[in-house]
Amino acid sequence: MIGDIVTVTVDRPLGSCHPEHKDMYYPVNYGYIEGIIAPDGEEQDAYILGVNVPVEKFTGRVIAVIHRDDDAEEKWVVCPDEFSFSREEIMEMVDFQEKYFRSEVIMQI
């Protein structure tokens, strides 16, 4: 999946709060990829990085997978084709949510 072009449907746009955990603010767009089922049985979740305005849908390239050692699901990291981020930059941008899990960023070399 790393390197693939996907379309993310955004259900938690940049600047919004989590529907159940109102103290969790989304500093990035976050959503799911329709038709791809993740290990948790739901559609695959994705962070969108490099897009600094709220969007409803976004098509971009998967540049990384965030694997959680203590959860059944993984998160994909999607960004515009012309962008790239280091593992450290990715973890910094998604820390608002990943700080609650033991996560690692998996990227192609």
PDB file of N, CA and C in Angstrom:
ATOM      1  N   MET A   1       0.802  -1.199   0.000  1.00  0.00           N
ATOM      2  CA  MET A   1       0.000   0.000   0.000  1.00  0.00           C
ATOM      3  C   MET A   1       0.841   1.257   0.000  1.00  0.00           C
ATOM      4  N   ILE A   2       2.067   1.206   0.601  1.00  0.00           N
ATOM      5  CA  ILE A   2       2.927   2.382   0.548  1.00  0.00           C
ATOM      6  C   ILE A   2       3.279   2.657  -0.909  1.00  0.00           C
ATOM      7  N   GLY A   3       3.072   3.894  -1.320  1.00  0.00           N
ATOM      8  CA  GLY A   3       3.280   4.284  -2.712  1.00  0.00           C
ATOM      9  C   GLY A   3       2.000   4.350  -3.513  1.00  0.00           C
ATOM     10  N   ASP A   4       0.934   3.735  -3.016  1.00  0.00           N
ATOM     11  CA  ASP A   4      -0.343   3.740  -3.729  1.00  0.00           C
ATOM     12  C   ASP A   4      -1.023   5.104  -3.649  1.00  0.00           C
ATOM     13  N   ILE A   5      -1.799   5.417  -4.681  1.00  0.00           N
ATOM     14  CA  ILE A   5      -2.641   6.612  -4.689  1.00  0.00           C
ATOM     15  C   ILE A   5      -4.015   6.195  -4.162  1.00  0.00           C
ATOM     16  N   VAL A   6      -4.522   6.927  -3.162  1.00  0.00           N
ATOM     17  CA  VAL A   6      -5.813   6.614  -2.557  1.00  0.00           C
ATOM     18  C   VAL A   6      -6.616   7.901  -2.372  1.00  0.00           C
ATOM     19  N   THR A   7      -7.921   7.729  -2.216  1.00  0.00           N
ATOM     20  CA  THR A   7      -8.798   8.856  -1.907  1.00  0.00           C
ATOM     21  C   THR A   7      -9.331   8.681  -0.498  1.00  0.00           C
ATOM     22  N   VAL A   8      -9.122   9.706   0.318  1.00  0.00           N
ATOM     23  CA  VAL A   8      -9.556   9.695   1.710  1.00  0.00           C
ATOM     24  C   VAL A   8     -10.822  10.528   1.830  1.00  0.00           C
ATOM     25  N   THR A   9     -11.858   9.950   2.425  1.00  0.00           N
ATOM     26  CA  THR A   9     -13.069  10.676   2.787  1.00  0.00           C
ATOM     27  C   THR A   9     -12.848  11.200   4.202  1.00  0.00           C
ATOM     28  N   VAL A  10     -12.896  12.496   4.368  1.00  0.00           N
ATOM     29  CA  VAL A  10     -12.565  13.122   5.646  1.00  0.00           C
ATOM     30  C   VAL A  10     -13.819  13.232   6.508  1.00  0.00           C
ATOM     31  N   ASP A  11     -13.783  12.557   7.664  1.00  0.00           N
ATOM     32  CA  ASP A  11     -14.889  12.694   8.617  1.00  0.00           C
ATOM     33  C   ASP A  11     -14.482  13.486   9.858  1.00  0.00           C
ATOM     34  N   ARG A  12     -13.193  13.804   9.951  1.00  0.00           N
ATOM     35  CA  ARG A  12     -12.689  14.660  11.032  1.00  0.00           C
ATOM     36  C   ARG A  12     -11.729  15.670  10.413  1.00  0.00           C
ATOM     37  N   PRO A  13     -12.283  16.774   9.917  1.00  0.00           N
ATOM     38  CA  PRO A  13     -11.432  17.757   9.234  1.00  0.00           C
ATOM     39  C   PRO A  13     -10.518  18.504  10.192  1.00  0.00           C
ATOM     40  N   LEU A  14      -9.464  19.029   9.635  1.00  0.00           N
ATOM     41  CA  LEU A  14      -8.533  19.867  10.381  1.00  0.00           C
ATOM     42  C   LEU A  14      -9.323  20.918  11.155  1.00  0.00           C
ATOM     43  N   GLY A  15      -9.017  21.072  12.440  1.00  0.00           N
ATOM     44  CA  GLY A  15      -9.695  22.057  13.278  1.00  0.00           C
ATOM     45  C   GLY A  15     -10.903  21.532  14.026  1.00  0.00           C
ATOM     46  N   SER A  16     -11.306  20.295  13.749  1.00  0.00           N
ATOM     47  CA  SER A  16     -12.472  19.728  14.436  1.00  0.00           C
ATOM     48  C   SER A  16     -12.037  18.995  15.704  1.00  0.00           C
ATOM     49  N   CYS A  17     -13.022  18.547  16.472  1.00  0.00           N
ATOM     50  CA  CYS A  17     -12.764  17.762  17.678  1.00  0.00           C
ATOM     51  C   CYS A  17     -13.364  16.370  17.508  1.00  0.00           C
ATOM     52  N   HIS A  18     -12.810  15.414  18.215  1.00  0.00           N
ATOM     53  CA  HIS A  18     -13.296  14.043  18.191  1.00  0.00           C
ATOM     54  C   HIS A  18     -14.754  14.035  18.658  1.00  0.00           C
ATOM     55  N   PRO A  19     -15.612  13.241  18.019  1.00  0.00           N
ATOM     56  CA  PRO A  19     -17.033  13.250  18.389  1.00  0.00           C
ATOM     57  C   PRO A  19     -17.319  12.769  19.823  1.00  0.00           C
ATOM     58  N   GLU A  20     -16.475  11.887  20.354  1.00  0.00           N
ATOM     59  CA  GLU A  20     -16.697  11.383  21.712  1.00  0.00           C
ATOM     60  C   GLU A  20     -15.738  11.994  22.726  1.00  0.00           C
ATOM     61  N   HIS A  21     -14.516  12.260  22.314  1.00  0.00           N
ATOM     62  CA  HIS A  21     -13.479  12.797  23.206  1.00  0.00           C
ATOM     63  C   HIS A  21     -13.254  14.259  22.818  1.00  0.00           C
ATOM     64  N   LYS A  22     -14.104  15.130  23.348  1.00  0.00           N
ATOM     65  CA  LYS A  22     -14.128  16.539  22.926  1.00  0.00           C
ATOM     66  C   LYS A  22     -12.819  17.279  23.181  1.00  0.00           C
ATOM     67  N   ASP A  23     -11.950  16.739  24.032  1.00  0.00           N
ATOM     68  CA  ASP A  23     -10.670  17.394  24.288  1.00  0.00           C
ATOM     69  C   ASP A  23      -9.624  17.047  23.229  1.00  0.00           C
ATOM     70  N   MET A  24      -9.952  16.127  22.286  1.00  0.00           N
ATOM     71  CA  MET A  24      -9.008  15.759  21.223  1.00  0.00           C
ATOM     72  C   MET A  24      -9.290  16.607  19.981  1.00  0.00           C
ATOM     73  N   TYR A  25      -8.388  17.535  19.736  1.00  0.00           N
ATOM     74  CA  TYR A  25      -8.458  18.459  18.608  1.00  0.00           C
ATOM     75  C   TYR A  25      -7.662  17.865  17.442  1.00  0.00           C
ATOM     76  N   TYR A  26      -8.194  17.961  16.228  1.00  0.00           N
ATOM     77  CA  TYR A  26      -7.523  17.427  15.033  1.00  0.00           C
ATOM     78  C   TYR A  26      -6.742  18.530  14.319  1.00  0.00           C
ATOM     79  N   PRO A  27      -5.403  18.518  14.453  1.00  0.00           N
ATOM     80  CA  PRO A  27      -4.576  19.506  13.763  1.00  0.00           C
ATOM     81  C   PRO A  27      -4.277  19.121  12.310  1.00  0.00           C
ATOM     82  N   VAL A  28      -4.783  17.954  11.885  1.00  0.00           N
ATOM     83  CA  VAL A  28      -4.646  17.489  10.501  1.00  0.00           C
ATOM     84  C   VAL A  28      -6.001  16.930  10.059  1.00  0.00           C
ATOM     85  N   ASN A  29      -6.201  16.813   8.764  1.00  0.00           N
ATOM     86  CA  ASN A  29      -7.395  16.147   8.256  1.00  0.00           C
ATOM     87  C   ASN A  29      -7.241  14.643   8.482  1.00  0.00           C
ATOM     88  N   TYR A  30      -8.361  13.990   8.834  1.00  0.00           N
ATOM     89  CA  TYR A  30      -8.330  12.567   9.181  1.00  0.00           C
ATOM     90  C   TYR A  30      -9.609  11.938   8.648  1.00  0.00           C
ATOM     91  N   GLY A  31      -9.481  10.750   8.075  1.00  0.00           N
ATOM     92  CA  GLY A  31     -10.666  10.094   7.541  1.00  0.00           C
ATOM     93  C   GLY A  31     -10.408   8.645   7.224  1.00  0.00           C
ATOM     94  N   TYR A  32     -11.084   8.147   6.212  1.00  0.00           N
ATOM     95  CA  TYR A  32     -11.024   6.723   5.874  1.00  0.00           C
ATOM     96  C   TYR A  32     -11.025   6.541   4.365  1.00  0.00           C
ATOM     97  N   ILE A  33     -10.593   5.354   3.954  1.00  0.00           N
ATOM     98  CA  ILE A  33     -10.539   5.013   2.536  1.00  0.00           C
ATOM     99  C   ILE A  33     -11.662   4.015   2.269  1.00  0.00           C
ATOM    100  N   GLU A  34     -12.639   4.460   1.506  1.00  0.00           N
ATOM    101  CA  GLU A  34     -13.798   3.627   1.220  1.00  0.00           C
ATOM    102  C   GLU A  34     -13.387   2.351   0.500  1.00  0.00           C
ATOM    103  N   GLY A  35     -13.971   1.239   0.940  1.00  0.00           N
ATOM    104  CA  GLY A  35     -13.769  -0.030   0.258  1.00  0.00           C
ATOM    105  C   GLY A  35     -12.536  -0.811   0.684  1.00  0.00           C
ATOM    106  N   ILE A  36     -11.694  -0.232   1.524  1.00  0.00           N
ATOM    107  CA  ILE A  36     -10.531  -0.962   2.040  1.00  0.00           C
ATOM    108  C   ILE A  36     -10.792  -1.225   3.520  1.00  0.00           C
ATOM    109  N   ILE A  37     -10.899  -2.498   3.864  1.00  0.00           N
ATOM    110  CA  ILE A  37     -11.219  -2.879   5.238  1.00  0.00           C
ATOM    111  C   ILE A  37      -9.918  -3.134   6.010  1.00  0.00           C
ATOM    112  N   ALA A  38      -9.825  -2.484   7.147  1.00  0.00           N
ATOM    113  CA  ALA A  38      -8.641  -2.592   8.017  1.00  0.00           C
ATOM    114  C   ALA A  38      -8.772  -3.812   8.924  1.00  0.00           C
ATOM    115  N   PRO A  39      -7.694  -4.160   9.640  1.00  0.00           N
ATOM    116  CA  PRO A  39      -7.741  -5.313  10.547  1.00  0.00           C
ATOM    117  C   PRO A  39      -8.807  -5.233  11.644  1.00  0.00           C
ATOM    118  N   ASP A  40      -9.273  -4.022  11.967  1.00  0.00           N
ATOM    119  CA  ASP A  40     -10.317  -3.889  12.994  1.00  0.00           C
ATOM    120  C   ASP A  40     -11.719  -4.091  12.435  1.00  0.00           C
ATOM    121  N   GLY A  41     -11.833  -4.382  11.122  1.00  0.00           N
ATOM    122  CA  GLY A  41     -13.130  -4.632  10.500  1.00  0.00           C
ATOM    123  C   GLY A  41     -13.817  -3.380   9.980  1.00  0.00           C
ATOM    124  N   GLU A  42     -13.232  -2.229  10.206  1.00  0.00           N
ATOM    125  CA  GLU A  42     -13.767  -0.958   9.714  1.00  0.00           C
ATOM    126  C   GLU A  42     -12.970  -0.524   8.488  1.00  0.00           C
ATOM    127  N   GLU A  43     -13.447   0.525   7.810  1.00  0.00           N
ATOM    128  CA  GLU A  43     -12.690   1.028   6.667  1.00  0.00           C
ATOM    129  C   GLU A  43     -11.368   1.638   7.152  1.00  0.00           C
ATOM    130  N   GLN A  44     -10.360   1.541   6.304  1.00  0.00           N
ATOM    131  CA  GLN A  44      -9.004   1.949   6.651  1.00  0.00           C
ATOM    132  C   GLN A  44      -8.923   3.441   6.974  1.00  0.00           C
ATOM    133  N   ASP A  45      -8.405   3.767   8.153  1.00  0.00           N
ATOM    134  CA  ASP A  45      -8.229   5.154   8.567  1.00  0.00           C
ATOM    135  C   ASP A  45      -6.949   5.733   7.991  1.00  0.00           C
ATOM    136  N   ALA A  46      -6.957   7.059   7.801  1.00  0.00           N
ATOM    137  CA  ALA A  46      -5.778   7.731   7.250  1.00  0.00           C
ATOM    138  C   ALA A  46      -5.651   9.150   7.777  1.00  0.00           C
ATOM    139  N   TYR A  47      -4.419   9.516   8.057  1.00  0.00           N
ATOM    140  CA  TYR A  47      -4.068  10.904   8.332  1.00  0.00           C
ATOM    141  C   TYR A  47      -3.681  11.537   7.003  1.00  0.00           C
ATOM    142  N   ILE A  48      -4.082  12.786   6.793  1.00  0.00           N
ATOM    143  CA  ILE A  48      -3.657  13.534   5.610  1.00  0.00           C
ATOM    144  C   ILE A  48      -2.686  14.608   6.084  1.00  0.00           C
ATOM    145  N   LEU A  49      -1.463  14.547   5.613  1.00  0.00           N
ATOM    146  CA  LEU A  49      -0.448  15.527   5.984  1.00  0.00           C
ATOM    147  C   LEU A  49      -0.111  16.397   4.785  1.00  0.00           C
ATOM    148  N   GLY A  50       0.269  17.636   5.037  1.00  0.00           N
ATOM    149  CA  GLY A  50       0.658  18.536   3.958  1.00  0.00           C
ATOM    150  C   GLY A  50      -0.497  19.294   3.339  1.00  0.00           C
ATOM    151  N   VAL A  51      -1.695  19.155   3.900  1.00  0.00           N
ATOM    152  CA  VAL A  51      -2.872  19.896   3.439  1.00  0.00           C
ATOM    153  C   VAL A  51      -3.353  20.699   4.642  1.00  0.00           C
ATOM    154  N   ASN A  52      -3.130  21.993   4.616  1.00  0.00           N
ATOM    155  CA  ASN A  52      -3.342  22.811   5.801  1.00  0.00           C
ATOM    156  C   ASN A  52      -4.653  23.579   5.830  1.00  0.00           C
ATOM    157  N   VAL A  53      -5.644  23.073   5.115  1.00  0.00           N
ATOM    158  CA  VAL A  53      -7.007  23.601   5.169  1.00  0.00           C
ATOM    159  C   VAL A  53      -7.945  22.401   5.321  1.00  0.00           C
ATOM    160  N   PRO A  54      -9.113  22.591   5.942  1.00  0.00           N
ATOM    161  CA  PRO A  54     -10.068  21.484   6.046  1.00  0.00           C
ATOM    162  C   PRO A  54     -10.551  21.069   4.656  1.00  0.00           C
ATOM    163  N   VAL A  55     -10.651  19.754   4.440  1.00  0.00           N
ATOM    164  CA  VAL A  55     -11.152  19.219   3.166  1.00  0.00           C
ATOM    165  C   VAL A  55     -12.190  18.133   3.439  1.00  0.00           C
ATOM    166  N   GLU A  56     -13.009  17.846   2.442  1.00  0.00           N
ATOM    167  CA  GLU A  56     -13.992  16.770   2.566  1.00  0.00           C
ATOM    168  C   GLU A  56     -13.474  15.463   1.985  1.00  0.00           C
ATOM    169  N   LYS A  57     -12.688  15.567   0.919  1.00  0.00           N
ATOM    170  CA  LYS A  57     -12.053  14.415   0.273  1.00  0.00           C
ATOM    171  C   LYS A  57     -10.672  14.851  -0.181  1.00  0.00           C
ATOM    172  N   PHE A  58      -9.777  13.872  -0.253  1.00  0.00           N
ATOM    173  CA  PHE A  58      -8.427  14.178  -0.714  1.00  0.00           C
ATOM    174  C   PHE A  58      -7.838  12.946  -1.373  1.00  0.00           C
ATOM    175  N   THR A  59      -7.229  13.137  -2.542  1.00  0.00           N
ATOM    176  CA  THR A  59      -6.519  12.061  -3.226  1.00  0.00           C
ATOM    177  C   THR A  59      -5.035  12.350  -3.157  1.00  0.00           C
ATOM    178  N   GLY A  60      -4.296  11.381  -2.631  1.00  0.00           N
ATOM    179  CA  GLY A  60      -2.858  11.536  -2.489  1.00  0.00           C
ATOM    180  C   GLY A  60      -2.163  10.193  -2.391  1.00  0.00           C
ATOM    181  N   ARG A  61      -0.876  10.238  -2.092  1.00  0.00           N
ATOM    182  CA  ARG A  61      -0.050   9.039  -2.042  1.00  0.00           C
ATOM    183  C   ARG A  61       0.155   8.585  -0.595  1.00  0.00           C
ATOM    184  N   VAL A  62       0.064   7.279  -0.369  1.00  0.00           N
ATOM    185  CA  VAL A  62       0.377   6.699   0.938  1.00  0.00           C
ATOM    186  C   VAL A  62       1.894   6.709   1.081  1.00  0.00           C
ATOM    187  N   ILE A  63       2.397   7.431   2.089  1.00  0.00           N
ATOM    188  CA  ILE A  63       3.849   7.512   2.277  1.00  0.00           C
ATOM    189  C   ILE A  63       4.325   6.704   3.478  1.00  0.00           C
ATOM    190  N   ALA A  64       3.382   6.290   4.330  1.00  0.00           N
ATOM    191  CA  ALA A  64       3.776   5.534   5.528  1.00  0.00           C
ATOM    192  C   ALA A  64       2.557   4.838   6.119  1.00  0.00           C
ATOM    193  N   VAL A  65       2.854   3.880   6.975  1.00  0.00           N
ATOM    194  CA  VAL A  65       1.833   3.190   7.778  1.00  0.00           C
ATOM    195  C   VAL A  65       2.242   3.353   9.227  1.00  0.00           C
ATOM    196  N   ILE A  66       1.285   3.717  10.059  1.00  0.00           N
ATOM    197  CA  ILE A  66       1.545   3.796  11.496  1.00  0.00           C
ATOM    198  C   ILE A  66       1.004   2.520  12.109  1.00  0.00           C
ATOM    199  N   HIS A  67       1.922   1.707  12.598  1.00  0.00           N
ATOM    200  CA  HIS A  67       1.568   0.424  13.210  1.00  0.00           C
ATOM    201  C   HIS A  67       1.474   0.619  14.716  1.00  0.00           C
ATOM    202  N   ARG A  68       0.391   0.125  15.284  1.00  0.00           N
ATOM    203  CA  ARG A  68       0.200   0.204  16.730  1.00  0.00           C
ATOM    204  C   ARG A  68       0.407  -1.172  17.334  1.00  0.00           C
ATOM    205  N   ASP A  69       1.357  -1.271  18.259  1.00  0.00           N
ATOM    206  CA  ASP A  69       1.624  -2.540  18.933  1.00  0.00           C
ATOM    207  C   ASP A  69       0.493  -2.938  19.874  1.00  0.00           C
ATOM    208  N   ASP A  70      -0.268  -1.972  20.356  1.00  0.00           N
ATOM    209  CA  ASP A  70      -1.293  -2.233  21.355  1.00  0.00           C
ATOM    210  C   ASP A  70      -2.710  -1.956  20.849  1.00  0.00           C
ATOM    211  N   ASP A  71      -2.909  -2.126  19.531  1.00  0.00           N
ATOM    212  CA  ASP A  71      -4.232  -1.912  18.944  1.00  0.00           C
ATOM    213  C   ASP A  71      -4.348  -2.782  17.698  1.00  0.00           C
ATOM    214  N   ALA A  72      -5.579  -3.078  17.294  1.00  0.00           N
ATOM    215  CA  ALA A  72      -5.809  -3.955  16.149  1.00  0.00           C
ATOM    216  C   ALA A  72      -5.696  -3.234  14.813  1.00  0.00           C
ATOM    217  N   GLU A  73      -5.662  -1.919  14.839  1.00  0.00           N
ATOM    218  CA  GLU A  73      -5.668  -1.203  13.565  1.00  0.00           C
ATOM    219  C   GLU A  73      -4.365  -0.471  13.297  1.00  0.00           C
ATOM    220  N   GLU A  74      -4.170  -0.137  12.024  1.00  0.00           N
ATOM    221  CA  GLU A  74      -3.056   0.676  11.582  1.00  0.00           C
ATOM    222  C   GLU A  74      -3.639   1.919  10.922  1.00  0.00           C
ATOM    223  N   LYS A  75      -2.877   2.957  10.874  1.00  0.00           N
ATOM    224  CA  LYS A  75      -3.285   4.193  10.203  1.00  0.00           C
ATOM    225  C   LYS A  75      -2.366   4.420   9.019  1.00  0.00           C
ATOM    226  N   TRP A  76      -2.936   4.827   7.906  1.00  0.00           N
ATOM    227  CA  TRP A  76      -2.127   5.173   6.754  1.00  0.00           C
ATOM    228  C   TRP A  76      -1.855   6.663   6.772  1.00  0.00           C
ATOM    229  N   VAL A  77      -0.714   7.066   6.246  1.00  0.00           N
ATOM    230  CA  VAL A  77      -0.344   8.474   6.138  1.00  0.00           C
ATOM    231  C   VAL A  77      -0.352   8.829   4.661  1.00  0.00           C
ATOM    232  N   VAL A  78      -1.195   9.804   4.300  1.00  0.00           N
ATOM    233  CA  VAL A  78      -1.404  10.191   2.905  1.00  0.00           C
ATOM    234  C   VAL A  78      -1.025  11.660   2.756  1.00  0.00           C
ATOM    235  N   CYS A  79      -0.353  11.993   1.662  1.00  0.00           N
ATOM    236  CA  CYS A  79      -0.002  13.396   1.427  1.00  0.00           C
ATOM    237  C   CYS A  79       0.049  13.671  -0.074  1.00  0.00           C
ATOM    238  N   PRO A  80       0.110  14.954  -0.435  1.00  0.00           N
ATOM    239  CA  PRO A  80       0.258  15.287  -1.852  1.00  0.00           C
ATOM    240  C   PRO A  80       1.547  14.677  -2.403  1.00  0.00           C
ATOM    241  N   ASP A  81       1.520  14.354  -3.675  1.00  0.00           N
ATOM    242  CA  ASP A  81       2.652  13.697  -4.332  1.00  0.00           C
ATOM    243  C   ASP A  81       3.978  14.437  -4.146  1.00  0.00           C
ATOM    244  N   GLU A  82       3.935  15.761  -4.135  1.00  0.00           N
ATOM    245  CA  GLU A  82       5.174  16.536  -4.074  1.00  0.00           C
ATOM    246  C   GLU A  82       5.735  16.676  -2.656  1.00  0.00           C
ATOM    247  N   PHE A  83       5.057  16.106  -1.668  1.00  0.00           N
ATOM    248  CA  PHE A  83       5.499  16.219  -0.272  1.00  0.00           C
ATOM    249  C   PHE A  83       6.172  14.936   0.193  1.00  0.00           C
ATOM    250  N   SER A  84       7.071  15.107   1.151  1.00  0.00           N
ATOM    251  CA  SER A  84       7.633  13.961   1.863  1.00  0.00           C
ATOM    252  C   SER A  84       7.921  14.416   3.290  1.00  0.00           C
ATOM    253  N   PHE A  85       7.865  13.478   4.202  1.00  0.00           N
ATOM    254  CA  PHE A  85       8.097  13.768   5.610  1.00  0.00           C
ATOM    255  C   PHE A  85       8.951  12.654   6.200  1.00  0.00           C
ATOM    256  N   SER A  86       9.746  12.985   7.184  1.00  0.00           N
ATOM    257  CA  SER A  86      10.537  11.985   7.892  1.00  0.00           C
ATOM    258  C   SER A  86       9.654  11.273   8.918  1.00  0.00           C
ATOM    259  N   ARG A  87      10.143  10.162   9.449  1.00  0.00           N
ATOM    260  CA  ARG A  87       9.423   9.457  10.512  1.00  0.00           C
ATOM    261  C   ARG A  87       9.143  10.398  11.683  1.00  0.00           C
ATOM    262  N   GLU A  88      10.154  11.174  12.046  1.00  0.00           N
ATOM    263  CA  GLU A  88      10.027  12.085  13.180  1.00  0.00           C
ATOM    264  C   GLU A  88       8.972  13.154  12.912  1.00  0.00           C
ATOM    265  N   GLU A  89       8.966  13.709  11.700  1.00  0.00           N
ATOM    266  CA  GLU A  89       7.964  14.725  11.351  1.00  0.00           C
ATOM    267  C   GLU A  89       6.560  14.135  11.382  1.00  0.00           C
ATOM    268  N   ILE A  90       6.409  12.916  10.863  1.00  0.00           N
ATOM    269  CA  ILE A  90       5.095  12.267  10.873  1.00  0.00           C
ATOM    270  C   ILE A  90       4.624  12.064  12.302  1.00  0.00           C
ATOM    271  N   MET A  91       5.476  11.509  13.151  1.00  0.00           N
ATOM    272  CA  MET A  91       5.061  11.251  14.536  1.00  0.00           C
ATOM    273  C   MET A  91       4.722  12.544  15.266  1.00  0.00           C
ATOM    274  N   GLU A  92       5.441  13.599  14.976  1.00  0.00           N
ATOM    275  CA  GLU A  92       5.135  14.887  15.606  1.00  0.00           C
ATOM    276  C   GLU A  92       3.751  15.381  15.191  1.00  0.00           C
ATOM    277  N   MET A  93       3.399  15.213  13.917  1.00  0.00           N
ATOM    278  CA  MET A  93       2.114  15.710  13.419  1.00  0.00           C
ATOM    279  C   MET A  93       0.922  14.878  13.876  1.00  0.00           C
ATOM    280  N   VAL A  94       1.147  13.603  14.175  1.00  0.00           N
ATOM    281  CA  VAL A  94       0.030  12.733  14.585  1.00  0.00           C
ATOM    282  C   VAL A  94       0.062  12.402  16.076  1.00  0.00           C
ATOM    283  N   ASP A  95       0.959  13.027  16.802  1.00  0.00           N
ATOM    284  CA  ASP A  95       1.104  12.767  18.230  1.00  0.00           C
ATOM    285  C   ASP A  95      -0.175  13.042  19.013  1.00  0.00           C
ATOM    286  N   PHE A  96      -1.000  13.962  18.542  1.00  0.00           N
ATOM    287  CA  PHE A  96      -2.244  14.289  19.231  1.00  0.00           C
ATOM    288  C   PHE A  96      -3.097  13.050  19.470  1.00  0.00           C
ATOM    289  N   GLN A  97      -2.973  12.045  18.626  1.00  0.00           N
ATOM    290  CA  GLN A  97      -3.731  10.805  18.764  1.00  0.00           C
ATOM    291  C   GLN A  97      -2.834   9.617  19.097  1.00  0.00           C
ATOM    292  N   GLU A  98      -1.682   9.551  18.459  1.00  0.00           N
ATOM    293  CA  GLU A  98      -0.808   8.390  18.637  1.00  0.00           C
ATOM    294  C   GLU A  98      -0.135   8.345  20.009  1.00  0.00           C
ATOM    295  N   LYS A  99      -0.143   9.447  20.751  1.00  0.00           N
ATOM    296  CA  LYS A  99       0.460   9.449  22.089  1.00  0.00           C
ATOM    297  C   LYS A  99      -0.244   8.494  23.037  1.00  0.00           C
ATOM    298  N   TYR A 100      -1.436   8.050  22.681  1.00  0.00           N
ATOM    299  CA  TYR A 100      -2.192   7.114  23.511  1.00  0.00           C
ATOM    300  C   TYR A 100      -1.872   5.653  23.195  1.00  0.00           C
ATOM    301  N   PHE A 101      -0.991   5.419  22.215  1.00  0.00           N
ATOM    302  CA  PHE A 101      -0.664   4.069  21.754  1.00  0.00           C
ATOM    303  C   PHE A 101       0.853   3.900  21.654  1.00  0.00           C
ATOM    304  N   ARG A 102       1.278   2.651  21.570  1.00  0.00           N
ATOM    305  CA  ARG A 102       2.679   2.347  21.253  1.00  0.00           C
ATOM    306  C   ARG A 102       2.744   2.203  19.731  1.00  0.00           C
ATOM    307  N   SER A 103       3.169   3.260  19.079  1.00  0.00           N
ATOM    308  CA  SER A 103       3.119   3.326  17.619  1.00  0.00           C
ATOM    309  C   SER A 103       4.510   3.439  17.021  1.00  0.00           C
ATOM    310  N   GLU A 104       4.624   2.938  15.790  1.00  0.00           N
ATOM    311  CA  GLU A 104       5.830   3.151  15.011  1.00  0.00           C
ATOM    312  C   GLU A 104       5.452   3.463  13.576  1.00  0.00           C
ATOM    313  N   VAL A 105       6.270   4.272  12.933  1.00  0.00           N
ATOM    314  CA  VAL A 105       6.041   4.664  11.546  1.00  0.00           C
ATOM    315  C   VAL A 105       6.825   3.723  10.646  1.00  0.00           C
ATOM    316  N   ILE A 106       6.134   3.097   9.717  1.00  0.00           N
ATOM    317  CA  ILE A 106       6.758   2.203   8.749  1.00  0.00           C
ATOM    318  C   ILE A 106       6.755   2.899   7.397  1.00  0.00           C
ATOM    319  N   MET A 107       7.957   3.002   6.805  1.00  0.00           N
ATOM    320  CA  MET A 107       8.116   3.662   5.514  1.00  0.00           C
ATOM    321  C   MET A 107       8.996   2.806   4.623  1.00  0.00           C
ATOM    322  N   GLN A 108       8.904   3.038   3.304  1.00  0.00           N
ATOM    323  CA  GLN A 108       9.837   2.384   2.402  1.00  0.00           C
ATOM    324  C   GLN A 108      11.174   3.094   2.510  1.00  0.00           C
ATOM    325  N   ILE A 109      12.216   2.346   2.305  1.00  0.00           N
ATOM    326  CA  ILE A 109      13.557   2.950   2.375  1.00  0.00           C
ATOM    327  C   ILE A 109      13.893   3.676   1.105  1.00  0.00           C
TER     328      ILE A 109
END
